[in-house]
């Protein structure tokens, strides 16, 4: 964080209607602020009155406070007898950063002002301006990673295979914001919200970072073959990759915490030094996670089943969202919730193949293939599916 020596910060407050009726004039307000040793951290403050402008100066802290009465005579409702605007200026960032909270607390809890609003806060603006480029770099880096990973390991239609209906609808709405690039490039992931970007990563780890899901899988093991499948899922490249590069490094927790800080930046909320320090820590850690994962994309090899697990992870996310609305899992139509599917073999897990006396007919193959194409989840029909329906 670089602050020029001559930088001056302004903190401006509007405060209305103290319960103490003695605070009616600017002079009385100055006295009410000056007597608090806690407010000024024990420093000596000097009262000033320049051209009928009342104020206080703390030379040690480099803080000057001036105030003026706000005209409330033209209020249409809730008329107030007294209101003030306070102007606090300082050149020492850290000193003014901590003074803000002490001042607001003094106005509210000691002087009992009923209504307080912050009009200008250069400290928060400075912190937000320091943080935003860092957050933007993390966000852009994850968009880059997601595009490279899913295209290289799933295919060019990865968005249709993995995006939830909610994400797709958001992108459609934002697609109307045309510019010079709109008709030239694919912008789907570029328009995804910050929190949705994180979902595309940590939902891939949902099978092993939630103990209840592992327990549920164990409960449903009925045979030795089931056990082998479960072991393979836990030890497969897909699981190991996301566990090693994201789940084990607390990607989800860090991303969600940064998301909360980012929202404060976006909505111009009050910032404290803590957010700048913590935000910088989070962005550095997340960038390292993303860069390391991106560096391993070319080395990892996924099976067809593992590729399908990527799609299934997002389907599970849809189940979680919609179950909160009272829908049962069997009531949710994934053909509606997803625009498309993985083009390739459809791996649907373990199916016990019954012994059949009938032959697989040509018409059965045609019927099953037409059904698969109609549902848009694959262009292939497997032997298991044909045997089950023969």
Protein backbone atom coordinates (compact mmCIF):
# COMPACT_ATOMS: atom_id res chain seq x y z
CA UNK A 1 0.00 0.00 0.00
CA UNK A 2 1.63 3.24 -1.18
CA UNK A 3 0.44 6.57 0.21
CA UNK A 4 1.93 9.83 -1.00
CA UNK A 5 3.25 12.11 1.75
CA UNK A 6 0.94 14.97 0.75
CA UNK A 7 -2.20 12.82 0.48
CA UNK A 8 -5.09 14.26 2.46
CA UNK A 9 -8.09 12.15 3.45
CA UNK A 10 -11.58 13.48 4.18
CA UNK A 11 -14.20 11.86 6.42
CA UNK A 12 -17.56 13.66 6.37
CA UNK A 13 -20.52 12.87 8.65
CA UNK A 14 -24.09 14.07 8.94
CA UNK A 15 -25.52 13.70 12.46
CA UNK A 16 -29.04 14.73 13.50
CA UNK A 17 -31.00 15.16 16.71
CA UNK A 18 -28.98 14.49 19.84
CA UNK A 19 -31.07 13.40 22.81
CA UNK A 20 -29.10 15.89 24.91
CA UNK A 21 -30.91 19.18 24.23
CA UNK A 22 -27.85 21.10 25.37
CA UNK A 23 -26.12 20.41 22.02
CA UNK A 24 -27.88 23.02 19.92
CA UNK A 25 -25.02 25.22 18.74
CA UNK A 26 -21.71 24.67 16.96
CA UNK A 27 -19.82 25.87 20.04
CA UNK A 28 -21.67 23.35 22.26
CA UNK A 29 -20.97 20.60 19.74
CA UNK A 30 -17.24 21.40 19.76
CA UNK A 31 -17.20 21.20 23.55
CA UNK A 32 -19.04 17.86 23.47
CA UNK A 33 -16.37 16.46 21.16
CA UNK A 34 -13.37 18.00 22.89
CA UNK A 35 -13.91 16.66 26.40
CA UNK A 36 -13.53 12.98 25.47
CA UNK A 37 -9.98 11.82 26.11
CA UNK A 38 -10.88 8.39 24.72
CA UNK A 39 -11.94 9.88 21.39
CA UNK A 40 -8.61 11.63 20.95
CA UNK A 41 -6.49 8.79 22.41
CA UNK A 42 -5.31 11.06 25.23
CA UNK A 43 -3.80 13.63 22.87
CA UNK A 44 -4.16 17.35 23.53
CA UNK A 45 -6.67 19.00 21.19
CA UNK A 46 -6.91 22.71 20.39
CA UNK A 47 -10.18 24.51 19.79
CA UNK A 48 -10.18 26.73 16.71
CA UNK A 49 -12.62 29.38 15.48
CA UNK A 50 -11.67 30.81 12.11
CA UNK A 51 -14.21 33.13 10.46
CA UNK A 52 -16.99 31.62 12.57
CA UNK A 53 -16.00 28.08 11.60
CA UNK A 54 -15.64 26.00 14.75
CA UNK A 55 -13.37 23.02 15.05
CA UNK A 56 -10.68 21.02 16.81
CA UNK A 57 -7.11 20.18 15.89
CA UNK A 58 -5.00 17.25 17.07
CA UNK A 59 -1.49 18.17 15.94
CA UNK A 60 0.07 14.91 17.12
CA UNK A 61 -2.36 12.76 15.13
CA UNK A 62 -2.50 15.18 12.20
CA UNK A 63 -6.30 15.43 12.40
CA UNK A 64 -8.43 18.52 11.94
CA UNK A 65 -12.16 18.53 12.66
CA UNK A 66 -14.53 21.28 11.57
CA UNK A 67 -18.30 21.45 11.76
CA UNK A 68 -21.25 23.53 10.74
CA UNK A 69 -24.93 23.55 11.57
CA UNK A 70 -27.27 22.02 8.99
CA UNK A 71 -30.44 24.00 8.23
CA UNK A 72 -33.39 21.75 9.16
CA UNK A 73 -36.11 24.39 8.93
CA UNK A 74 -37.29 23.17 5.53
CA UNK A 75 -37.83 19.55 6.57
CA UNK A 76 -41.30 18.37 5.56
CA UNK A 77 -41.45 15.54 8.11
CA UNK A 78 -39.67 14.56 11.32
CA UNK A 79 -38.47 18.09 12.00
CA UNK A 80 -35.22 18.22 13.98
CA UNK A 81 -34.01 21.00 16.26
CA UNK A 82 -30.32 20.40 15.62
CA UNK A 83 -28.15 18.78 12.98
CA UNK A 84 -24.48 19.07 12.13
CA UNK A 85 -22.09 18.20 9.33
CA UNK A 86 -18.61 17.21 10.55
CA UNK A 87 -15.55 17.48 8.29
CA UNK A 88 -12.52 15.49 9.46
CA UNK A 89 -9.27 15.77 7.53
CA UNK A 90 -5.97 13.99 8.07
CA UNK A 91 -2.73 13.11 6.30
CA UNK A 92 -1.90 10.03 8.40
CA UNK A 93 -3.84 7.11 6.92
CA UNK A 94 -3.59 4.73 9.88
CA UNK A 95 -4.46 7.42 12.42
CA UNK A 96 -7.57 8.62 10.60
CA UNK A 97 -8.56 5.03 9.75
CA UNK A 98 -8.96 4.20 13.45
CA UNK A 99 -10.27 7.65 14.46
CA UNK A 100 -13.38 7.22 12.22
CA UNK A 101 -14.86 4.43 14.30
CA UNK A 102 -14.10 6.13 17.61
CA UNK A 103 -15.83 9.27 16.39
CA UNK A 104 -18.97 7.51 15.16
CA UNK A 105 -19.17 5.48 18.37
CA UNK A 106 -18.82 8.68 20.45
CA UNK A 107 -21.61 10.38 18.49
CA UNK A 108 -23.95 7.41 18.84
CA UNK A 109 -23.35 6.03 22.31
CA UNK A 110 -22.07 9.06 24.25
CA UNK A 111 -23.76 12.05 22.62
CA UNK A 112 -26.83 9.95 21.66
CA UNK A 113 -27.38 11.23 18.15
CA UNK A 114 -30.39 9.43 16.70
CA UNK A 115 -29.46 9.66 13.03
CA UNK A 116 -25.91 9.38 11.62
CA UNK A 117 -24.89 9.13 7.97
CA UNK A 118 -21.47 9.00 6.35
CA UNK A 119 -21.28 11.42 3.43
CA UNK A 120 -17.62 11.07 2.39
CA UNK A 121 -15.10 8.42 3.37
CA UNK A 122 -11.78 8.74 1.54
CA UNK A 123 -10.28 6.01 3.73
CA UNK A 124 -12.78 3.40 2.51
CA UNK A 125 -12.40 4.62 -1.07
CA UNK A 126 -8.63 4.29 -0.85
CA UNK A 127 -8.87 0.75 0.55
CA UNK A 128 -11.41 -0.27 -2.09
CA UNK A 129 -9.22 1.14 -4.87
CA UNK A 130 -6.26 -0.82 -3.50
CA UNK A 131 -8.28 -4.03 -3.26
CA UNK A 132 -10.23 -3.99 -6.51
CA UNK A 133 -7.31 -4.59 -8.90
CA UNK A 134 -6.26 -7.58 -6.77
CA UNK A 135 -9.78 -9.05 -6.78
CA UNK A 136 -10.14 -8.38 -10.50
CA UNK A 137 -6.88 -10.24 -11.17
CA UNK A 138 -8.11 -13.29 -9.22
CA UNK A 139 -11.46 -13.23 -11.00
CA UNK A 140 -9.87 -12.93 -14.45
CA UNK A 141 -7.38 -15.70 -13.64
CA UNK A 142 -10.14 -18.11 -12.64
CA UNK A 143 -12.11 -17.34 -15.82
CA UNK A 144 -8.96 -18.10 -17.83
CA UNK A 145 -8.38 -21.34 -15.92
CA UNK A 146 -12.01 -22.54 -16.26
CA UNK A 147 -11.99 -21.93 -20.00
CA UNK A 148 -8.70 -23.78 -20.53
CA UNK A 149 -9.54 -26.66 -18.22
CA UNK A 150 -13.05 -27.43 -19.44
CA UNK A 151 -12.21 -27.03 -23.14
CA UNK A 152 -9.11 -29.22 -22.90
CA UNK A 153 -10.65 -31.86 -20.67
CA UNK A 154 -14.36 -31.80 -21.61
CA UNK A 155 -14.72 -30.12 -25.01
CA UNK A 156 -15.84 -26.95 -26.73
CA UNK A 157 -19.41 -27.47 -25.53
CA UNK A 158 -18.35 -27.54 -21.88
CA UNK A 159 -20.57 -24.60 -20.97
CA UNK A 160 -23.69 -26.36 -22.23
CA UNK A 161 -22.64 -29.48 -20.32
CA UNK A 162 -21.86 -27.92 -16.96
CA UNK A 163 -23.71 -24.62 -16.56
CA UNK A 164 -26.90 -24.67 -14.51
CA UNK A 165 -30.12 -23.19 -15.82
CA UNK A 166 -29.73 -20.24 -13.45
CA UNK A 167 -26.30 -19.45 -14.89
CA UNK A 168 -27.54 -19.82 -18.47
CA UNK A 169 -30.48 -17.49 -17.86
CA UNK A 170 -28.17 -14.85 -16.35
CA UNK A 171 -25.91 -15.00 -19.41
CA UNK A 172 -28.87 -14.67 -21.78
CA UNK A 173 -29.97 -11.50 -20.01
CA UNK A 174 -26.47 -10.04 -20.11
CA UNK A 175 -25.92 -11.09 -23.69
CA UNK A 176 -28.03 -8.12 -24.78
CA UNK A 177 -25.25 -5.79 -23.65
CA UNK A 178 -23.68 -5.83 -27.09
CA UNK A 179 -20.30 -4.35 -27.93
CA UNK A 180 -17.63 -4.79 -30.58
CA UNK A 181 -16.74 -8.28 -29.31
CA UNK A 182 -20.23 -9.76 -28.83
CA UNK A 183 -20.57 -11.30 -32.29
CA UNK A 184 -16.91 -12.28 -32.56
CA UNK A 185 -16.11 -14.29 -29.41
CA UNK A 186 -17.78 -16.65 -26.94
CA UNK A 187 -18.51 -14.64 -23.80
CA UNK A 188 -20.39 -17.11 -21.59
CA UNK A 189 -17.82 -17.48 -18.81
CA UNK A 190 -16.89 -13.79 -19.12
CA UNK A 191 -20.40 -12.86 -17.95
CA UNK A 192 -20.61 -15.29 -15.01
CA UNK A 193 -20.93 -13.77 -11.53
CA UNK A 194 -18.05 -13.99 -9.06
CA UNK A 195 -19.84 -16.48 -6.79
CA UNK A 196 -20.92 -18.65 -9.75
CA UNK A 197 -17.30 -18.87 -10.90
CA UNK A 198 -16.40 -20.36 -7.54
CA UNK A 199 -19.33 -22.80 -7.77
CA UNK A 200 -17.91 -24.22 -11.01
CA UNK A 201 -14.78 -25.18 -9.07
CA UNK A 202 -15.82 -26.29 -5.63
CA UNK A 203 -18.91 -28.17 -6.76
CA UNK A 204 -16.43 -30.45 -8.51
CA UNK A 205 -15.17 -31.43 -5.06
CA UNK A 206 -18.60 -31.94 -3.51
CA UNK A 207 -18.30 -35.72 -3.60
CA UNK A 208 -15.46 -35.86 -1.10
CA UNK A 209 -15.46 -32.59 0.82
CA UNK A 210 -18.85 -33.31 2.36
CA UNK A 211 -18.66 -36.28 4.75
CA UNK A 212 -22.40 -36.97 4.56
CA UNK A 213 -22.08 -37.73 0.84
CA UNK A 214 -19.26 -40.19 1.42
CA UNK A 215 -21.27 -41.84 4.19
CA UNK A 216 -24.28 -42.08 1.88
CA UNK A 217 -22.17 -43.80 -0.78
CA UNK A 218 -20.80 -46.26 1.78
CA UNK A 219 -24.30 -47.12 3.04
CA UNK A 220 -25.39 -48.00 -0.51
CA UNK A 221 -22.50 -50.40 -1.15
CA UNK A 222 -24.16 -53.79 -1.66
CA UNK A 223 -21.44 -55.84 -3.30
CA UNK A 224 -17.71 -56.17 -3.81
CA UNK A 225 -18.13 -54.61 -7.24
CA UNK A 226 -19.83 -51.59 -5.63
CA UNK A 227 -16.84 -51.26 -3.31
CA UNK A 228 -14.38 -51.35 -6.21
CA UNK A 229 -16.34 -48.66 -8.04
CA UNK A 230 -16.41 -46.48 -4.93
CA UNK A 231 -12.66 -46.91 -4.39
CA UNK A 232 -12.02 -46.05 -8.03
CA UNK A 233 -14.11 -42.89 -7.70
CA UNK A 234 -12.17 -41.76 -4.64
CA UNK A 235 -8.81 -42.52 -6.21
CA UNK A 236 -9.52 -41.46 -9.81
CA UNK A 237 -7.60 -38.66 -11.51
CA UNK A 238 -10.66 -36.39 -11.45
CA UNK A 239 -11.09 -36.72 -7.69
CA UNK A 240 -7.39 -36.53 -6.91
CA UNK A 241 -6.88 -33.50 -9.16
CA UNK A 242 -9.58 -31.33 -7.60
CA UNK A 243 -8.82 -32.55 -4.11
CA UNK A 244 -5.10 -31.86 -4.38
CA UNK A 245 -5.29 -28.48 -6.12
CA UNK A 246 -8.49 -27.00 -4.67
CA UNK A 247 -10.17 -28.79 -1.77
CA UNK A 248 -7.00 -29.48 0.22
CA UNK A 249 -5.98 -25.84 -0.15
CA UNK A 250 -9.29 -24.50 1.21
CA UNK A 251 -10.26 -22.93 -2.10
CA UNK A 252 -13.98 -22.84 -1.30
CA UNK A 253 -13.58 -21.18 2.10
CA UNK A 254 -11.17 -18.59 0.73
CA UNK A 255 -13.28 -17.83 -2.35
CA UNK A 256 -16.44 -17.31 -0.28
CA UNK A 257 -14.63 -15.02 2.15
CA UNK A 258 -13.21 -12.97 -0.73
CA UNK A 259 -16.70 -12.85 -2.25
CA UNK A 260 -18.00 -11.14 0.90
CA UNK A 261 -15.20 -8.59 0.74
CA UNK A 262 -15.79 -8.07 -2.98
CA UNK A 263 -19.46 -7.29 -2.31
CA UNK A 264 -18.42 -4.57 0.09
CA UNK A 265 -16.18 -3.10 -2.61
CA UNK A 266 -18.98 -3.26 -5.21
CA UNK A 267 -21.50 -1.59 -2.90
CA UNK A 268 -19.07 1.01 -1.58
CA UNK A 269 -19.38 -0.05 2.02
CA UNK A 270 -17.23 1.21 4.89
CA UNK A 271 -13.79 -0.38 4.89
CA UNK A 272 -11.21 -0.88 7.59
CA UNK A 273 -7.53 -1.74 7.41
CA UNK A 274 -8.39 -5.36 8.21
CA UNK A 275 -10.19 -5.81 4.88
CA UNK A 276 -7.21 -4.57 2.91
CA UNK A 277 -4.83 -6.89 4.77
CA UNK A 278 -7.13 -9.90 4.66
CA UNK A 279 -8.20 -9.25 1.07
CA UNK A 280 -4.56 -9.12 -0.01
CA UNK A 281 -3.84 -12.39 1.78
CA UNK A 282 -6.80 -14.10 0.12
CA UNK A 283 -6.02 -12.87 -3.38
CA UNK A 284 -2.38 -13.97 -3.11
CA UNK A 285 -3.39 -17.43 -1.86
CA UNK A 286 -6.11 -17.91 -4.50
CA UNK A 287 -3.83 -16.81 -7.34
CA UNK A 288 -1.24 -19.36 -6.26
CA UNK A 289 -3.91 -22.11 -6.18
CA UNK A 290 -5.21 -21.20 -9.64
CA UNK A 291 -1.75 -20.92 -11.22
CA UNK A 292 -0.63 -24.29 -9.82
CA UNK A 293 -3.81 -26.01 -11.03
CA UNK A 294 -3.48 -24.44 -14.48
CA UNK A 295 0.09 -25.67 -14.72
CA UNK A 296 -1.11 -29.27 -14.35
CA UNK A 297 -3.94 -29.22 -16.92
CA UNK A 298 -1.80 -30.71 -19.68
CA UNK A 299 -0.58 -33.53 -17.45
CA UNK A 300 -3.92 -34.81 -16.14
CA UNK A 301 -5.86 -37.46 -18.07
CA UNK A 302 -9.54 -38.09 -17.30
CA UNK A 303 -11.53 -41.15 -18.22
CA UNK A 304 -14.94 -40.84 -19.87
CA UNK A 305 -16.53 -41.61 -16.54
CA UNK A 306 -14.53 -38.87 -14.86
CA UNK A 307 -15.55 -36.39 -17.54
CA UNK A 308 -19.16 -37.26 -16.91
CA UNK A 309 -18.58 -36.71 -13.19
CA UNK A 310 -17.87 -33.06 -14.01
CA UNK A 311 -21.34 -32.73 -15.50
CA UNK A 312 -22.88 -34.73 -12.65
CA UNK A 313 -21.29 -32.42 -10.08
CA UNK A 314 -23.17 -29.49 -11.55
CA UNK A 315 -26.40 -31.51 -11.74
CA UNK A 316 -25.99 -32.23 -8.03
CA UNK A 317 -25.68 -28.50 -7.46
CA UNK A 318 -29.06 -28.05 -9.18
CA UNK A 319 -30.56 -30.68 -6.89
CA UNK A 320 -29.27 -28.81 -3.86
CA UNK A 321 -30.66 -25.48 -5.04
CA UNK A 322 -34.07 -26.84 -6.01
CA UNK A 323 -34.46 -29.11 -2.99
CA UNK A 324 -34.39 -25.93 -0.92
CA UNK A 325 -37.63 -25.03 -2.74
CA UNK A 326 -39.26 -28.28 -1.62
CA UNK A 327 -38.61 -30.36 -4.74
CA UNK A 328 -37.61 -33.98 -4.47
CA UNK A 329 -34.65 -35.24 -6.44
CA UNK A 330 -36.85 -37.44 -8.65
CA UNK A 331 -39.02 -34.42 -9.52
CA UNK A 332 -36.16 -32.44 -11.03
CA UNK A 333 -35.81 -32.64 -14.81
CA UNK A 334 -32.16 -32.24 -15.74
CA UNK A 335 -33.12 -32.00 -19.42
CA UNK A 336 -34.71 -28.67 -18.52
CA UNK A 337 -32.00 -27.52 -16.15
CA UNK A 338 -29.21 -28.07 -18.66
CA UNK A 339 -28.91 -26.86 -22.23
CA UNK A 340 -26.98 -29.88 -23.42
CA UNK A 341 -24.73 -32.73 -22.37
CA UNK A 342 -21.33 -34.25 -22.95
CA UNK A 343 -20.92 -35.47 -26.48
CA UNK A 344 -19.60 -38.95 -25.99
CA UNK A 345 -20.31 -42.15 -24.11
CA UNK A 346 -22.89 -41.66 -21.38
CA UNK A 347 -21.60 -43.31 -18.22
CA UNK A 348 -24.45 -43.68 -15.73
CA UNK A 349 -22.78 -45.84 -13.11
CA UNK A 350 -23.22 -49.47 -12.12
CA UNK A 351 -26.10 -51.38 -13.69
CA UNK A 352 -26.74 -55.03 -13.03
CA UNK A 353 -27.28 -56.66 -16.43
CA UNK A 354 -30.03 -59.30 -16.29
CA UNK A 355 -29.77 -62.48 -18.35
CA UNK A 356 -31.99 -62.21 -21.43
CA UNK A 357 -33.36 -64.88 -23.71
CA UNK A 358 -34.28 -62.31 -26.36
CA UNK A 359 -31.93 -60.96 -28.97
CA UNK A 360 -31.24 -57.27 -29.40
CA UNK A 361 -33.24 -56.30 -32.45
CA UNK A 362 -32.41 -53.71 -35.05
CA UNK A 363 -35.58 -51.78 -34.19
CA UNK A 364 -34.60 -51.65 -30.51
CA UNK A 365 -31.24 -50.09 -31.41
CA UNK A 366 -32.97 -47.51 -33.61
CA UNK A 367 -35.57 -46.69 -30.93
CA UNK A 368 -32.95 -46.24 -28.20
CA UNK A 369 -30.72 -44.13 -30.44
CA UNK A 370 -33.62 -41.86 -31.42
CA UNK A 371 -34.55 -41.47 -27.75
CA UNK A 372 -30.97 -40.58 -26.80
CA UNK A 373 -30.66 -38.00 -29.58
CA UNK A 374 -34.07 -36.54 -28.74
CA UNK A 375 -33.04 -36.04 -25.10
CA UNK A 376 -29.76 -34.46 -26.29
CA UNK A 377 -27.53 -36.15 -23.74
CA UNK A 378 -25.48 -38.32 -26.10
CA UNK A 379 -25.10 -39.51 -29.70
CA UNK A 380 -24.33 -43.08 -28.63
CA UNK A 381 -26.19 -46.03 -27.13
CA UNK A 382 -24.41 -48.49 -24.86
CA UNK A 383 -24.84 -52.24 -24.61
CA UNK A 384 -26.13 -52.05 -21.03
CA UNK A 385 -28.96 -49.76 -22.06
CA UNK A 386 -30.00 -52.09 -24.88
CA UNK A 387 -29.94 -55.18 -22.64
CA UNK A 388 -32.06 -53.48 -20.01
CA UNK A 389 -34.72 -52.54 -22.54
CA UNK A 390 -34.70 -55.74 -24.58
